[in-house]
Amino acid sequence: MVNLDVTWTKGPLDDSDSGLSPEVIAEGIVRDLQAALNEFTAIARSLGGEVDASEAEAE
């Protein structure tokens, strides 16, 4: 079973009081999106879809 919860909608949308720099926040977002893309790629492949790995894993 795959968890498709959108975790960033569960908390406040304003990170201004988090104390993290915008660069650190952006890096975290990129990591989260890459992980989500990897999971969706695996799902698509398990359903018989043809996914170009170079597009799915590109940075």
C-alpha atoms as a PDB file:
ATOM      1  CA  MET A   1       0.000   0.000   0.000  1.00  0.00           C
ATOM      2  CA  VAL A   2       1.258   3.446  -0.900  1.00  0.00           C
ATOM      3  CA  ASN A   3       0.630   6.510   1.256  1.00  0.00           C
ATOM      4  CA  LEU A   4      -0.407   9.436  -0.946  1.00  0.00           C
ATOM      5  CA  ASP A   5      -0.973  11.919   1.878  1.00  0.00           C
ATOM      6  CA  VAL A   6       0.093  15.435   0.983  1.00  0.00           C
ATOM      7  CA  THR A   7       2.026  16.180   4.144  1.00  0.00           C
ATOM      8  CA  TRP A   8       2.653  19.875   3.515  1.00  0.00           C
ATOM      9  CA  THR A   9      -1.094  20.589   3.713  1.00  0.00           C
ATOM     10  CA  LYS A  10      -1.339  19.269   7.268  1.00  0.00           C
ATOM     11  CA  GLY A  11       0.460  22.185   8.908  1.00  0.00           C
ATOM     12  CA  PRO A  12       0.658  25.931   8.634  1.00  0.00           C
ATOM     13  CA  LEU A  13       1.600  27.192   5.198  1.00  0.00           C
ATOM     14  CA  ASP A  14       3.792  29.963   6.596  1.00  0.00           C
ATOM     15  CA  ASP A  15       7.350  28.791   7.321  1.00  0.00           C
ATOM     16  CA  SER A  16       8.594  32.276   8.195  1.00  0.00           C
ATOM     17  CA  ASP A  17       8.832  31.420  11.889  1.00  0.00           C
ATOM     18  CA  SER A  18      10.606  28.082  11.333  1.00  0.00           C
ATOM     19  CA  GLY A  19      14.063  29.645  11.583  1.00  0.00           C
ATOM     20  CA  LEU A  20      15.207  27.859   8.428  1.00  0.00           C
ATOM     21  CA  SER A  21      16.741  29.739   5.542  1.00  0.00           C
ATOM     22  CA  PRO A  22      14.863  29.779   2.222  1.00  0.00           C
ATOM     23  CA  GLU A  23      17.678  27.695   0.706  1.00  0.00           C
ATOM     24  CA  VAL A  24      17.249  24.942   3.295  1.00  0.00           C
ATOM     25  CA  ILE A  25      13.470  24.980   2.841  1.00  0.00           C
ATOM     26  CA  ALA A  26      13.856  24.789  -0.960  1.00  0.00           C
ATOM     27  CA  GLU A  27      16.317  21.888  -0.688  1.00  0.00           C
ATOM     28  CA  GLY A  28      13.864  20.001   1.517  1.00  0.00           C
ATOM     29  CA  ILE A  29      11.065  20.596  -0.972  1.00  0.00           C
ATOM     30  CA  VAL A  30      13.235  19.322  -3.839  1.00  0.00           C
ATOM     31  CA  ARG A  31      14.110  16.166  -1.878  1.00  0.00           C
ATOM     32  CA  ASP A  32      10.445  15.557  -1.048  1.00  0.00           C
ATOM     33  CA  LEU A  33       9.367  16.053  -4.666  1.00  0.00           C
ATOM     34  CA  GLN A  34      12.114  13.742  -5.954  1.00  0.00           C
ATOM     35  CA  ALA A  35      11.061  11.054  -3.478  1.00  0.00           C
ATOM     36  CA  ALA A  36       7.420  11.460  -4.527  1.00  0.00           C
ATOM     37  CA  LEU A  37       8.382  11.234  -8.201  1.00  0.00           C
ATOM     38  CA  ASN A  38      10.327   8.038  -7.511  1.00  0.00           C
ATOM     39  CA  GLU A  39       7.298   6.555  -5.738  1.00  0.00           C
ATOM     40  CA  PHE A  40       4.920   7.510  -8.559  1.00  0.00           C
ATOM     41  CA  THR A  41       7.374   6.084 -11.092  1.00  0.00           C
ATOM     42  CA  ALA A  42       7.384   2.787  -9.215  1.00  0.00           C
ATOM     43  CA  ILE A  43       3.585   2.797  -9.087  1.00  0.00           C
ATOM     44  CA  ALA A  44       3.307   3.517 -12.818  1.00  0.00           C
ATOM     45  CA  ARG A  45       5.760   0.717 -13.617  1.00  0.00           C
ATOM     46  CA  SER A  46       3.934  -1.735 -11.357  1.00  0.00           C
ATOM     47  CA  LEU A  47       0.740  -0.927 -13.258  1.00  0.00           C
ATOM     48  CA  GLY A  48       2.473  -1.686 -16.542  1.00  0.00           C
ATOM     49  CA  GLY A  49       3.225   1.880 -17.532  1.00  0.00           C
ATOM     50  CA  GLU A  50       6.272   2.798 -19.526  1.00  0.00           C
ATOM     51  CA  VAL A  51       8.194   5.477 -17.651  1.00  0.00           C
ATOM     52  CA  ASP A  52      11.410   6.983 -18.969  1.00  0.00           C
ATOM     53  CA  ALA A  53      13.800   6.569 -16.020  1.00  0.00           C
ATOM     54  CA  SER A  54      16.033   9.405 -17.203  1.00  0.00           C
ATOM     55  CA  GLU A  55      13.111  11.848 -17.030  1.00  0.00           C
ATOM     56  CA  ALA A  56      11.898  10.521 -13.685  1.00  0.00           C
ATOM     57  CA  GLU A  57      15.322  10.664 -12.045  1.00  0.00           C
ATOM     58  CA  ALA A  58      16.617  13.888 -13.611  1.00  0.00           C
ATOM     59  CA  GLU A  59      17.750  16.660 -11.301  1.00  0.00           C
END
